[in-house]
C-alpha atoms as a PDB file:
ATOM      1  CA  MET A   1     147.843  49.982 141.573  1.00  0.00           C
ATOM      2  CA  LYS A   2     145.463  52.855 140.443  1.00  0.00           C
ATOM      3  CA  ARG A   3     145.291  54.147 136.840  1.00  0.00           C
ATOM      4  CA  TRP A   4     143.075  56.499 134.924  1.00  0.00           C
ATOM      5  CA  GLU A   5     140.851  54.772 132.726  1.00  0.00           C
ATOM      6  CA  LYS A   6     139.985  57.135 129.810  1.00  0.00           C
ATOM      7  CA  LEU A   7     136.252  57.058 129.132  1.00  0.00           C
ATOM      8  CA  LYS A   8     135.766  59.501 126.091  1.00  0.00           C
ATOM      9  CA  GLN A   9     136.440  62.833 124.475  1.00  0.00           C
ATOM     10  CA  LEU A  10     133.560  64.627 126.239  1.00  0.00           C
ATOM     11  CA  TYR A  11     133.471  68.029 124.385  1.00  0.00           C
ATOM     12  CA  CYS A  12     134.976  68.990 121.120  1.00  0.00           C
ATOM     13  CA  PRO A  13     134.607  72.846 120.727  1.00  0.00           C
ATOM     14  CA  VAL A  14     132.678  74.275 117.697  1.00  0.00           C
ATOM     15  CA  PRO A  15     132.596  77.921 116.976  1.00  0.00           C
ATOM     16  CA  VAL A  16     129.550  79.190 118.961  1.00  0.00           C
ATOM     17  CA  HIS A  17     130.493  82.985 119.227  1.00  0.00           C
ATOM     18  CA  PRO A  18     133.265  85.276 117.881  1.00  0.00           C
ATOM     19  CA  LYS A  19     135.112  85.131 121.180  1.00  0.00           C
ATOM     20  CA  LEU A  20     134.582  81.348 121.429  1.00  0.00           C
ATOM     21  CA  LEU A  21     135.642  80.163 117.959  1.00  0.00           C
ATOM     22  CA  SER A  22     138.141  77.392 119.092  1.00  0.00           C
ATOM     23  CA  HIS A  23     139.606  75.606 122.082  1.00  0.00           C
ATOM     24  CA  ALA A  24     138.231  74.272 125.354  1.00  0.00           C
ATOM     25  CA  ALA A  25     141.121  74.580 127.784  1.00  0.00           C
ATOM     26  CA  ASN A  26     141.394  74.483 131.470  1.00  0.00           C
ATOM     27  CA  PRO A  27     137.972  72.794 132.180  1.00  0.00           C
ATOM     28  CA  LEU A  28     136.526  73.443 135.556  1.00  0.00           C
ATOM     29  CA  ALA A  29     133.586  71.413 136.893  1.00  0.00           C
ATOM     30  CA  VAL A  30     131.034  72.860 139.389  1.00  0.00           C
ATOM     31  CA  LEU A  31     128.157  70.566 140.550  1.00  0.00           C
ATOM     32  CA  LEU A  32     124.582  71.774 139.461  1.00  0.00           C
ATOM     33  CA  ASN A  33     122.559  68.850 140.688  1.00  0.00           C
ATOM     34  CA  GLY A  34     122.467  64.933 140.585  1.00  0.00           C
ATOM     35  CA  ASP A  35     125.107  64.065 138.015  1.00  0.00           C
ATOM     36  CA  ILE A  36     125.049  67.236 136.113  1.00  0.00           C
ATOM     37  CA  TYR A  37     128.199  69.605 136.123  1.00  0.00           C
ATOM     38  CA  ARG A  38     128.668  72.825 134.649  1.00  0.00           C
ATOM     39  CA  VAL A  39     132.029  72.874 132.979  1.00  0.00           C
ATOM     40  CA  PHE A  40     133.596  76.280 132.549  1.00  0.00           C
ATOM     41  CA  PHE A  41     136.522  76.444 130.100  1.00  0.00           C
ATOM     42  CA  SER A  42     138.783  78.876 128.249  1.00  0.00           C
ATOM     43  CA  GLY A  43     137.985  79.303 124.447  1.00  0.00           C
ATOM     44  CA  ARG A  44     139.761  81.565 121.950  1.00  0.00           C
ATOM     45  CA  ASP A  45     138.904  84.073 119.364  1.00  0.00           C
ATOM     46  CA  ILE A  46     140.532  84.667 115.983  1.00  0.00           C
ATOM     47  CA  LYS A  47     143.584  86.245 117.532  1.00  0.00           C
ATOM     48  CA  ASN A  48     144.015  83.575 120.343  1.00  0.00           C
ATOM     49  CA  ARG A  49     142.663  85.786 123.140  1.00  0.00           C
ATOM     50  CA  SER A  50     140.582  83.575 125.597  1.00  0.00           C
ATOM     51  CA  SER A  51     137.271  83.988 127.255  1.00  0.00           C
ATOM     52  CA  VAL A  52     135.283  81.816 129.487  1.00  0.00           C
ATOM     53  CA  GLY A  53     132.564  79.627 128.180  1.00  0.00           C
ATOM     54  CA  PHE A  54     130.655  76.662 129.448  1.00  0.00           C
ATOM     55  CA  VAL A  55     128.952  73.483 128.803  1.00  0.00           C
ATOM     56  CA  ASP A  56     126.731  71.251 131.216  1.00  0.00           C
ATOM     57  CA  VAL A  57     127.634  67.558 131.187  1.00  0.00           C
ATOM     58  CA  ASP A  58     126.064  64.464 132.686  1.00  0.00           C
ATOM     59  CA  ILE A  59     128.920  62.613 134.432  1.00  0.00           C
ATOM     60  CA  ALA A  60     126.971  59.272 134.840  1.00  0.00           C
ATOM     61  CA  LYS A  61     125.985  59.151 131.060  1.00  0.00           C
ATOM     62  CA  CYS A  62     129.463  60.897 130.063  1.00  0.00           C
ATOM     63  CA  GLU A  63     127.713  63.306 127.675  1.00  0.00           C
ATOM     64  CA  VAL A  64     127.287  67.073 127.033  1.00  0.00           C
ATOM     65  CA  VAL A  65     123.776  68.046 127.750  1.00  0.00           C
ATOM     66  CA  TYR A  66     123.863  71.680 126.977  1.00  0.00           C
ATOM     67  CA  VAL A  67     126.353  74.298 125.209  1.00  0.00           C
ATOM     68  CA  HIS A  68     126.185  77.696 126.004  1.00  0.00           C
ATOM     69  CA  ASP A  69     126.452  79.982 122.917  1.00  0.00           C
ATOM     70  CA  LYS A  70     128.459  82.964 124.374  1.00  0.00           C
ATOM     71  CA  PRO A  71     131.084  83.894 126.817  1.00  0.00           C
ATOM     72  CA  VAL A  72     130.262  84.353 130.634  1.00  0.00           C
ATOM     73  CA  PHE A  73     133.275  86.355 131.259  1.00  0.00           C
ATOM     74  CA  GLU A  74     135.569  87.964 128.467  1.00  0.00           C
ATOM     75  CA  TYR A  75     139.044  89.170 128.155  1.00  0.00           C
ATOM     76  CA  GLY A  76     139.439  92.689 129.179  1.00  0.00           C
ATOM     77  CA  PRO A  77     140.464  95.933 127.413  1.00  0.00           C
ATOM     78  CA  GLU A  78     143.943  96.860 126.179  1.00  0.00           C
ATOM     79  CA  ASN A  79     146.450  97.497 128.961  1.00  0.00           C
ATOM     80  CA  CYS A  80     144.581  95.535 131.675  1.00  0.00           C
ATOM     81  CA  PHE A  81     146.112  92.566 133.274  1.00  0.00           C
ATOM     82  CA  TYR A  82     143.793  90.278 131.302  1.00  0.00           C
ATOM     83  CA  SER A  83     143.721  91.962 127.994  1.00  0.00           C
ATOM     84  CA  HIS A  84     144.959  89.106 126.142  1.00  0.00           C
ATOM     85  CA  GLY A  85     143.263  86.222 127.724  1.00  0.00           C
ATOM     86  CA  VAL A  86     141.725  84.280 130.812  1.00  0.00           C
ATOM     87  CA  SER A  87     143.003  80.988 131.758  1.00  0.00           C
ATOM     88  CA  ILE A  88     140.576  79.480 134.689  1.00  0.00           C
ATOM     89  CA  GLY A  89     141.895  77.591 137.803  1.00  0.00           C
ATOM     90  CA  ASN A  90     139.451  76.264 140.222  1.00  0.00           C
ATOM     91  CA  CYS A  91     136.504  77.344 142.672  1.00  0.00           C
ATOM     92  CA  TYR A  92     136.763  77.912 146.299  1.00  0.00           C
ATOM     93  CA  GLU A  93     134.655  79.307 148.944  1.00  0.00           C
ATOM     94  CA  ALA A  94     135.559  82.037 151.585  1.00  0.00           C
ATOM     95  CA  ASP A  95     133.110  83.659 153.994  1.00  0.00           C
ATOM     96  CA  GLY A  96     130.274  82.146 152.202  1.00  0.00           C
ATOM     97  CA  GLN A  97     131.135  83.504 148.693  1.00  0.00           C
ATOM     98  CA  ARG A  98     132.529  81.222 146.024  1.00  0.00           C
ATOM     99  CA  TYR A  99     135.471  82.559 143.793  1.00  0.00           C
ATOM    100  CA  ILE A 100     137.276  81.324 140.786  1.00  0.00           C
ATOM    101  CA  LEU A 101     140.774  82.354 140.383  1.00  0.00           C
ATOM    102  CA  PHE A 102     142.271  82.779 136.957  1.00  0.00           C
ATOM    103  CA  MET A 103     145.514  83.667 134.873  1.00  0.00           C
ATOM    104  CA  GLY A 104     145.166  86.841 133.285  1.00  0.00           C
ATOM    105  CA  TRP A 105     147.310  87.136 129.972  1.00  0.00           C
ATOM    106  CA  GLN A 106     148.776  90.560 128.961  1.00  0.00           C
ATOM    107  CA  HIS A 107     151.012  90.871 125.868  1.00  0.00           C
ATOM    108  CA  PRO A 108     152.324  94.465 125.548  1.00  0.00           C
ATOM    109  CA  LEU A 109     153.705  95.522 122.187  1.00  0.00           C
ATOM    110  CA  GLY A 110     157.265  94.765 121.712  1.00  0.00           C
ATOM    111  CA  LYS A 111     157.346  92.776 125.101  1.00  0.00           C
ATOM    112  CA  HIS A 112     157.105  89.273 126.328  1.00  0.00           C
ATOM    113  CA  TRP A 113     153.799  88.150 127.523  1.00  0.00           C
ATOM    114  CA  GLU A 114     153.046  88.236 131.267  1.00  0.00           C
ATOM    115  CA  GLY A 115     150.662  86.556 133.508  1.00  0.00           C
ATOM    116  CA  ASN A 116     149.088  87.694 136.825  1.00  0.00           C
ATOM    117  CA  ILE A 117     146.264  86.068 138.844  1.00  0.00           C
ATOM    118  CA  GLY A 118     142.844  87.468 138.961  1.00  0.00           C
ATOM    119  CA  ARG A 119     139.696  86.546 140.842  1.00  0.00           C
ATOM    120  CA  LEU A 120     136.019  86.164 139.666  1.00  0.00           C
ATOM    121  CA  VAL A 121     133.043  86.109 141.891  1.00  0.00           C
ATOM    122  CA  LEU A 122     130.854  83.006 141.255  1.00  0.00           C
ATOM    123  CA  GLU A 123     127.319  84.048 141.985  1.00  0.00           C
ATOM    124  CA  PRO A 124     124.495  81.707 143.213  1.00  0.00           C
ATOM    125  CA  ASP A 125     123.127  81.613 139.522  1.00  0.00           C
ATOM    126  CA  LEU A 126     126.644  80.767 138.410  1.00  0.00           C
ATOM    127  CA  SER A 127     127.263  84.047 136.679  1.00  0.00           C
ATOM    128  CA  LEU A 128     130.784  85.532 136.737  1.00  0.00           C
ATOM    129  CA  HIS A 129     132.059  88.998 137.489  1.00  0.00           C
ATOM    130  CA  LEU A 130     135.410  90.416 138.073  1.00  0.00           C
ATOM    131  CA  ASP A 131     136.394  90.946 141.704  1.00  0.00           C
ATOM    132  CA  GLY A 132     138.115  94.225 141.295  1.00  0.00           C
ATOM    133  CA  PRO A 133     140.261  95.708 138.401  1.00  0.00           C
ATOM    134  CA  ALA A 134     143.724  94.920 139.856  1.00  0.00           C
ATOM    135  CA  PRO A 135     145.343  91.354 140.030  1.00  0.00           C
ATOM    136  CA  PHE A 136     144.284  89.368 143.004  1.00  0.00           C
ATOM    137  CA  LEU A 137     147.950  88.097 143.242  1.00  0.00           C
ATOM    138  CA  ALA A 138     150.493  90.077 141.119  1.00  0.00           C
ATOM    139  CA  ILE A 139     154.151  89.611 140.326  1.00  0.00           C
ATOM    140  CA  ASP A 140     156.472  90.632 143.243  1.00  0.00           C
ATOM    141  CA  ALA A 141     159.918  89.888 144.659  1.00  0.00           C
ATOM    142  CA  THR A 142     158.969  86.270 145.119  1.00  0.00           C
ATOM    143  CA  ASP A 143     157.487  85.875 141.605  1.00  0.00           C
ATOM    144  CA  PRO A 144     159.193  88.471 139.471  1.00  0.00           C
ATOM    145  CA  ILE A 145     158.334  87.457 136.023  1.00  0.00           C
ATOM    146  CA  SER A 146     155.020  85.807 135.351  1.00  0.00           C
ATOM    147  CA  LEU A 147     152.305  83.926 137.316  1.00  0.00           C
ATOM    148  CA  SER A 148     149.978  81.365 136.112  1.00  0.00           C
ATOM    149  CA  TYR A 149     147.286  78.726 136.850  1.00  0.00           C
ATOM    150  CA  PRO A 150     146.189  78.907 140.439  1.00  0.00           C
ATOM    151  CA  TRP A 151     144.541  76.255 142.505  1.00  0.00           C
ATOM    152  CA  VAL A 152     143.042  76.770 146.152  1.00  0.00           C
ATOM    153  CA  LEU A 153     142.108  74.219 148.602  1.00  0.00           C
ATOM    154  CA  ALA A 154     140.393  75.045 152.012  1.00  0.00           C
ATOM    155  CA  GLU A 155     141.405  72.873 155.032  1.00  0.00           C
ATOM    156  CA  ALA A 156     138.716  71.880 157.777  1.00  0.00           C
ATOM    157  CA  THR A 157     141.036  74.026 160.082  1.00  0.00           C
ATOM    158  CA  GLY A 158     140.288  77.192 158.113  1.00  0.00           C
ATOM    159  CA  ILE A 159     143.768  77.417 156.503  1.00  0.00           C
ATOM    160  CA  PHE A 160     143.677  77.933 152.865  1.00  0.00           C
ATOM    161  CA  HIS A 161     146.520  76.642 150.481  1.00  0.00           C
ATOM    162  CA  MET A 162     147.152  77.949 146.950  1.00  0.00           C
ATOM    163  CA  TRP A 163     149.491  76.207 144.403  1.00  0.00           C
ATOM    164  CA  TYR A 164     150.250  78.399 141.331  1.00  0.00           C
ATOM    165  CA  GLY A 165     152.714  78.720 138.530  1.00  0.00           C
ATOM    166  CA  SER A 166     155.714  81.078 138.608  1.00  0.00           C
ATOM    167  CA  THR A 167     158.315  81.716 135.779  1.00  0.00           C
ATOM    168  CA  LYS A 168     161.804  81.614 137.079  1.00  0.00           C
ATOM    169  CA  THR A 169     163.404  82.233 133.313  1.00  0.00           C
ATOM    170  CA  TRP A 170     162.111  82.246 129.850  1.00  0.00           C
ATOM    171  CA  ASP A 171     165.107  80.151 128.824  1.00  0.00           C
ATOM    172  CA  ALA A 172     166.656  77.493 131.222  1.00  0.00           C
ATOM    173  CA  GLY A 173     169.420  76.984 128.899  1.00  0.00           C
ATOM    174  CA  ASN A 174     167.825  74.319 126.636  1.00  0.00           C
ATOM    175  CA  GLY A 175     165.296  76.773 124.834  1.00  0.00           C
ATOM    176  CA  GLU A 176     162.493  76.017 127.244  1.00  0.00           C
ATOM    177  CA  MET A 177     161.093  78.170 130.247  1.00  0.00           C
ATOM    178  CA  LEU A 178     161.628  77.305 133.804  1.00  0.00           C
ATOM    179  CA  HIS A 179     158.211  77.605 135.159  1.00  0.00           C
ATOM    180  CA  VAL A 180     157.628  76.073 138.674  1.00  0.00           C
ATOM    181  CA  ILE A 181     154.590  75.368 140.990  1.00  0.00           C
ATOM    182  CA  ASN A 182     154.817  77.514 144.101  1.00  0.00           C
ATOM    183  CA  HIS A 183     152.916  77.426 147.428  1.00  0.00           C
ATOM    184  CA  ALA A 184     151.033  80.255 149.325  1.00  0.00           C
ATOM    185  CA  THR A 185     148.835  79.970 152.627  1.00  0.00           C
ATOM    186  CA  SER A 186     146.074  82.292 153.904  1.00  0.00           C
ATOM    187  CA  ILE A 187     143.917  82.429 157.005  1.00  0.00           C
ATOM    188  CA  ASP A 188     140.840  83.930 155.311  1.00  0.00           C
ATOM    189  CA  GLY A 189     141.162  83.261 151.484  1.00  0.00           C
ATOM    190  CA  GLN A 190     141.835  86.960 150.770  1.00  0.00           C
ATOM    191  CA  HIS A 191     145.372  87.591 152.189  1.00  0.00           C
ATOM    192  CA  TRP A 192     148.238  85.424 151.083  1.00  0.00           C
ATOM    193  CA  GLN A 193     151.648  84.504 152.531  1.00  0.00           C
ATOM    194  CA  ARG A 194     153.924  83.159 149.521  1.00  0.00           C
ATOM    195  CA  ASP A 195     156.116  80.417 150.491  1.00  0.00           C
ATOM    196  CA  GLY A 196     158.195  79.869 147.486  1.00  0.00           C
ATOM    197  CA  LEU A 197     158.795  76.600 145.499  1.00  0.00           C
ATOM    198  CA  ALA A 198     156.498  73.643 146.230  1.00  0.00           C
ATOM    199  CA  VAL A 199     156.919  70.915 143.594  1.00  0.00           C
ATOM    200  CA  PRO A 200     160.764  70.075 142.883  1.00  0.00           C
ATOM    201  CA  TYR A 201     161.788  70.375 139.136  1.00  0.00           C
ATOM    202  CA  ARG A 202     164.193  68.574 136.947  1.00  0.00           C
ATOM    203  CA  LEU A 203     165.770  70.248 133.993  1.00  0.00           C
ATOM    204  CA  GLY A 204     165.478  68.049 130.837  1.00  0.00           C
ATOM    205  CA  THR A 205     162.665  66.075 132.628  1.00  0.00           C
ATOM    206  CA  ALA A 206     160.154  68.347 134.101  1.00  0.00           C
ATOM    207  CA  GLN A 207     160.657  72.030 133.954  1.00  0.00           C
ATOM    208  CA  ALA A 208     157.665  73.748 132.491  1.00  0.00           C
ATOM    209  CA  PHE A 209     154.752  72.933 134.638  1.00  0.00           C
ATOM    210  CA  SER A 210     150.967  74.324 134.414  1.00  0.00           C
ATOM    211  CA  ARG A 211     147.563  73.752 135.918  1.00  0.00           C
ATOM    212  CA  PRO A 212     148.187  72.046 139.267  1.00  0.00           C
ATOM    213  CA  SER A 213     145.044  70.041 140.357  1.00  0.00           C
ATOM    214  CA  VAL A 214     145.175  69.119 144.085  1.00  0.00           C
ATOM    215  CA  ILE A 215     143.030  66.867 146.375  1.00  0.00           C
ATOM    216  CA  GLY A 216     143.634  65.760 149.906  1.00  0.00           C
ATOM    217  CA  SER A 217     144.109  67.109 153.458  1.00  0.00           C
ATOM    218  CA  SER A 218     146.610  67.372 156.110  1.00  0.00           C
ATOM    219  CA  VAL A 219     145.272  64.183 157.692  1.00  0.00           C
ATOM    220  CA  GLU A 220     145.303  61.947 154.520  1.00  0.00           C
ATOM    221  CA  GLY A 221     148.149  63.875 152.577  1.00  0.00           C
ATOM    222  CA  TYR A 222     147.913  65.696 149.177  1.00  0.00           C
ATOM    223  CA  HIS A 223     147.731  64.521 145.716  1.00  0.00           C
ATOM    224  CA  MET A 224     148.589  66.731 142.813  1.00  0.00           C
ATOM    225  CA  TRP A 225     148.252  66.392 139.142  1.00  0.00           C
ATOM    226  CA  PHE A 226     149.673  68.962 136.571  1.00  0.00           C
ATOM    227  CA  SER A 227     150.730  69.197 132.996  1.00  0.00           C
ATOM    228  CA  TYR A 228     154.441  69.648 132.178  1.00  0.00           C
ATOM    229  CA  ARG A 229     157.090  69.712 129.423  1.00  0.00           C
ATOM    230  CA  ASN A 230     160.567  68.295 129.767  1.00  0.00           C
ATOM    231  CA  GLY A 231     162.437  71.084 127.925  1.00  0.00           C
ATOM    232  CA  LEU A 232     163.550  68.523 125.219  1.00  0.00           C
ATOM    233  CA  GLY A 233     160.767  69.081 122.665  1.00  0.00           C
ATOM    234  CA  GLN A 234     158.237  66.819 124.018  1.00  0.00           C
ATOM    235  CA  LYS A 235     154.744  68.260 124.360  1.00  0.00           C
ATOM    236  CA  TYR A 236     152.716  68.369 127.424  1.00  0.00           C
ATOM    237  CA  ARG A 237     152.100  65.380 129.492  1.00  0.00           C
ATOM    238  CA  ILE A 238     150.290  64.903 132.788  1.00  0.00           C
ATOM    239  CA  GLY A 239     152.317  64.365 135.962  1.00  0.00           C
ATOM    240  CA  TYR A 240     151.881  63.568 139.538  1.00  0.00           C
ATOM    241  CA  SER A 241     153.308  64.612 142.924  1.00  0.00           C
ATOM    242  CA  TYR A 242     152.509  63.865 146.535  1.00  0.00           C
ATOM    243  CA  SER A 243     153.029  65.871 149.750  1.00  0.00           C
ATOM    244  CA  PRO A 244     152.276  64.994 153.487  1.00  0.00           C
ATOM    245  CA  ASN A 245     151.564  68.694 154.366  1.00  0.00           C
ATOM    246  CA  GLY A 246     150.829  70.680 151.118  1.00  0.00           C
ATOM    247  CA  LYS A 247     154.076  72.481 151.187  1.00  0.00           C
ATOM    248  CA  THR A 248     156.962  70.127 150.421  1.00  0.00           C
ATOM    249  CA  TRP A 249     156.159  67.668 147.569  1.00  0.00           C
ATOM    250  CA  GLU A 250     157.711  64.513 145.993  1.00  0.00           C
ATOM    251  CA  LEU A 251     157.854  64.473 142.147  1.00  0.00           C
ATOM    252  CA  ARG A 252     156.345  61.051 141.038  1.00  0.00           C
ATOM    253  CA  LEU A 253     156.056  61.435 137.234  1.00  0.00           C
ATOM    254  CA  ASN A 254     155.621  57.711 136.849  1.00  0.00           C
ATOM    255  CA  ASP A 255     152.655  57.514 139.240  1.00  0.00           C
ATOM    256  CA  ALA A 256     150.649  59.809 137.048  1.00  0.00           C
ATOM    257  CA  ARG A 257     149.001  56.664 135.417  1.00  0.00           C
ATOM    258  CA  ILE A 258     147.855  58.565 132.279  1.00  0.00           C
ATOM    259  CA  ASP A 259     149.472  59.075 129.074  1.00  0.00           C
ATOM    260  CA  VAL A 260     148.902  60.250 125.455  1.00  0.00           C
ATOM    261  CA  SER A 261     146.669  57.725 123.307  1.00  0.00           C
ATOM    262  CA  PRO A 262     148.104  55.918 120.208  1.00  0.00           C
ATOM    263  CA  LEU A 263     145.625  57.778 117.844  1.00  0.00           C
ATOM    264  CA  GLY A 264     143.110  60.579 117.831  1.00  0.00           C
ATOM    265  CA  TRP A 265     142.284  63.577 119.618  1.00  0.00           C
ATOM    266  CA  ASP A 266     144.820  63.286 122.523  1.00  0.00           C
ATOM    267  CA  SER A 267     147.511  61.414 120.860  1.00  0.00           C
ATOM    268  CA  GLU A 268     150.072  64.395 120.649  1.00  0.00           C
ATOM    269  CA  MET A 269     149.619  65.815 124.244  1.00  0.00           C
ATOM    270  CA  ILE A 270     147.491  65.841 127.443  1.00  0.00           C
ATOM    271  CA  GLU A 271     147.305  68.661 129.839  1.00  0.00           C
ATOM    272  CA  TYR A 272     145.316  70.992 132.012  1.00  0.00           C
ATOM    273  CA  PRO A 273     144.036  68.206 134.499  1.00  0.00           C
ATOM    274  CA  PHE A 274     141.057  68.890 136.766  1.00  0.00           C
ATOM    275  CA  VAL A 275     140.504  66.202 139.278  1.00  0.00           C
ATOM    276  CA  PHE A 276     137.212  65.852 141.353  1.00  0.00           C
ATOM    277  CA  ASP A 277     135.467  63.328 143.356  1.00  0.00           C
ATOM    278  CA  HIS A 278     131.751  62.415 142.600  1.00  0.00           C
ATOM    279  CA  LYS A 279     129.764  59.740 144.317  1.00  0.00           C
ATOM    280  CA  ALA A 280     132.711  57.958 145.753  1.00  0.00           C
ATOM    281  CA  ARG A 281     134.626  57.969 142.213  1.00  0.00           C
ATOM    282  CA  ARG A 282     137.606  60.110 141.316  1.00  0.00           C
ATOM    283  CA  TYR A 283     137.451  61.763 137.968  1.00  0.00           C
ATOM    284  CA  MET A 284     139.739  63.779 135.722  1.00  0.00           C
ATOM    285  CA  LEU A 285     138.744  66.273 133.083  1.00  0.00           C
ATOM    286  CA  TYR A 286     141.759  67.026 130.724  1.00  0.00           C
ATOM    287  CA  CYS A 287     142.493  68.465 127.550  1.00  0.00           C
ATOM    288  CA  GLY A 288     144.361  66.920 124.617  1.00  0.00           C
ATOM    289  CA  ASN A 289     146.084  68.040 121.143  1.00  0.00           C
ATOM    290  CA  GLY A 290     146.631  71.741 120.668  1.00  0.00           C
ATOM    291  CA  TYR A 291     146.360  73.078 124.088  1.00  0.00           C
ATOM    292  CA  GLY A 292     142.669  72.386 124.282  1.00  0.00           C
ATOM    293  CA  LYS A 293     141.925  72.783 120.575  1.00  0.00           C
ATOM    294  CA  THR A 294     140.552  69.417 120.461  1.00  0.00           C
ATOM    295  CA  GLY A 295     138.512  70.005 123.611  1.00  0.00           C
ATOM    296  CA  PHE A 296     138.498  67.952 126.857  1.00  0.00           C
ATOM    297  CA  GLY A 297     137.879  64.359 127.960  1.00  0.00           C
ATOM    298  CA  LEU A 298     136.919  62.460 131.032  1.00  0.00           C
ATOM    299  CA  ALA A 299     138.958  59.716 132.827  1.00  0.00           C
ATOM    300  CA  VAL A 300     138.137  57.790 136.078  1.00  0.00           C
ATOM    301  CA  LEU A 301     140.509  56.433 138.613  1.00  0.00           C
ATOM    302  CA  THR A 302     140.347  52.753 138.653  1.00  0.00           C
ATOM    303  CA  ASN A 303     142.347  49.659 139.933  1.00  0.00           C
ATOM    304  CA  GLU A 304     144.586  47.872 137.457  1.00  0.00           C
END
């Protein structure tokens, strides 16, 4: 049986810029060279508006080797779809160009906050810029309330899969939202066909999902880790689901094999997993207490 062995709290954020005062949520690792990864994350300003920063980490030594002192992409102006924050998903390539999708937060005065999905262009020098002022994937008849946390995976066949969060209701009857993981497909990575619900939910057990992280293929099947709340007051935990085809999933919460620690930076909650393979080992970046306020840690998948 496999389990996640926690290696250490890899990065605890410190104030480096007025727009990166706290938090290091939604870590996203992009290989630089050797064992060095650039880990983008969403940090916050004094009003909790999130922008994108990064640190470089040595996976083999399990240490941060560089901390960048300013945002590489900032939340937008008032009334745009990311005016109140940017929560990054993952990186994928289409037609030779790399992209990073993100959840754009908007909180209009007197209204509930709303999320839509935007897209950033990741240049060869790893700089970021917005790929157009409109949402890449916006709320519609399939997803009428709010969208979140996209993850894209390209098949060798050329088919693209996207898993993303979609709000069904802000209150499912127990004071907690019903926010599920939906699925979409594309033949070019640009235009998407939404398929609706992917991962089954259970009210009172797992009903507020976020940040799916998927590895696999149509040959071996797909493995997904995500964060979730049960709707009964429990803070975020990391769950697991399996699918043979990427569209229909089995909820296997007990197979996540990672939980909060007895004490310390991740003793209250664990969330926002980012799973990736490096030199024949499978790693997970994940956040701890306070929705990333204590930063992110690193775990490796091992045999019990």
